[in-house]
Protein backbone atom coordinates (compact mmCIF):
# COMPACT_ATOMS: atom_id res chain seq x y z
CA MET A 1 -90.98 -49.06 -39.34
CA PHE A 2 -87.21 -49.36 -39.02
CA VAL A 3 -85.29 -46.28 -40.14
CA ALA A 4 -81.51 -45.82 -40.32
CA VAL A 5 -79.78 -42.55 -41.20
CA ALA A 6 -76.17 -42.46 -42.45
CA CYS A 7 -74.49 -39.06 -42.61
CA ASP A 8 -71.44 -37.63 -44.37
CA PHE A 9 -71.02 -33.97 -43.40
CA SER A 10 -68.95 -31.19 -44.89
CA ASN A 11 -68.27 -29.41 -41.57
CA ASP A 12 -68.58 -29.67 -37.79
CA ASP A 13 -71.49 -27.23 -37.52
CA HIS A 14 -73.62 -29.49 -39.69
CA ARG A 15 -72.54 -32.55 -37.65
CA LYS A 16 -73.67 -30.96 -34.40
CA GLU A 17 -76.92 -29.59 -35.80
CA ILE A 18 -78.05 -32.75 -37.59
CA SER A 19 -77.05 -35.12 -34.78
CA GLY A 20 -79.04 -32.98 -32.33
CA LEU A 21 -81.96 -32.95 -34.74
CA LEU A 22 -81.92 -36.73 -35.11
CA VAL A 23 -81.87 -37.19 -31.32
CA GLN A 24 -84.89 -34.84 -31.07
CA TYR A 25 -86.74 -37.10 -33.50
CA GLY A 26 -85.98 -40.15 -31.32
CA PHE A 27 -83.01 -41.62 -33.18
CA LYS A 28 -80.16 -43.28 -31.30
CA LYS A 29 -76.55 -43.10 -32.43
CA VAL A 30 -75.34 -46.66 -33.15
CA GLN A 31 -72.09 -45.94 -34.98
CA ASN A 32 -70.08 -42.93 -35.98
CA TRP A 33 -72.64 -40.80 -37.87
CA VAL A 34 -75.18 -43.62 -38.17
CA PHE A 35 -78.49 -43.30 -36.33
CA GLU A 36 -81.43 -45.74 -36.00
CA SER A 37 -85.05 -45.66 -34.90
CA THR A 38 -87.85 -48.22 -34.74
CA ASN A 39 -90.48 -45.64 -33.80
CA ALA A 40 -90.38 -43.31 -36.82
CA ASN A 41 -93.51 -42.77 -38.88
CA ASP A 42 -94.15 -41.24 -42.31
CA THR A 43 -95.18 -37.83 -40.94
CA ASP A 44 -92.05 -37.55 -38.80
CA LEU A 45 -89.84 -38.53 -41.74
CA ILE A 46 -91.33 -35.85 -43.98
CA ARG A 47 -90.66 -33.21 -41.30
CA LEU A 48 -87.19 -34.64 -40.62
CA LYS A 49 -86.23 -34.41 -44.32
CA LYS A 50 -87.33 -30.76 -44.43
CA ASP A 51 -85.36 -29.98 -41.25
CA ILE A 52 -82.28 -31.78 -42.59
CA ASP A 53 -82.58 -29.91 -45.89
CA ARG A 54 -82.56 -26.56 -44.04
CA SER A 55 -79.48 -27.54 -42.03
CA THR A 56 -77.21 -28.85 -44.80
CA ASP A 57 -75.39 -27.56 -47.85
CA SER A 58 -74.57 -29.11 -51.21
CA TYR A 59 -71.45 -30.83 -49.84
CA ASP A 60 -73.37 -32.93 -47.27
CA VAL A 61 -74.71 -36.40 -48.10
CA ILE A 62 -77.49 -37.97 -46.03
CA ARG A 63 -79.01 -41.42 -46.63
CA ILE A 64 -82.23 -42.58 -45.01
CA TYR A 65 -83.03 -46.32 -45.13
CA GLN A 66 -86.68 -47.24 -44.43
CA TYR A 67 -87.99 -50.78 -44.03
CA PRO A 68 -90.72 -51.92 -44.49
CA MET A 69 -92.28 -49.22 -46.59
CA GLU A 70 -95.00 -50.62 -48.86
CA ASP A 71 -93.27 -54.03 -48.51
CA THR A 72 -90.05 -52.60 -49.92
CA LEU A 73 -86.79 -51.13 -48.77
CA VAL A 74 -86.75 -47.41 -49.54
CA ILE A 75 -83.48 -45.47 -49.65
CA SER A 76 -83.74 -41.67 -49.75
CA THR A 77 -80.54 -39.77 -50.48
CA LEU A 78 -79.85 -36.06 -50.09
CA GLU A 79 -76.95 -35.14 -52.35
CA ASN A 80 -76.23 -31.77 -53.96
CA LYS A 81 -79.29 -30.40 -52.09
CA LYS A 82 -81.65 -32.79 -53.95
CA TRP A 83 -83.56 -35.72 -52.51
CA ARG A 84 -83.68 -38.92 -54.57
CA LYS A 85 -85.58 -42.08 -53.71
CA ILE A 86 -84.81 -45.69 -54.62
CA LYS A 87 -87.28 -48.51 -53.99
CA ILE A 88 -85.98 -52.07 -53.75
CA ILE A 89 -88.76 -54.62 -54.17
CA GLN A 90 -88.41 -58.12 -52.78
């Protein structure tokens, strides 16, 4: 599965912590605060979301793009400390 993570952080401590976390999970930085992986699986993403949630505050915004996921594009967004999921069906 292809996974991209786009980040908008409220402070430098969160930038350092989350970028290190994403590298630990096998993501590569492809642009400024955009990371990608082709090796992520569902179990890793669940753990990653929990780790991200612990390392952010309500001012951070994180978007995770997953494709294919049940033949759809899934966009998970962490905003105001709440995860929301959007499924886009072909």
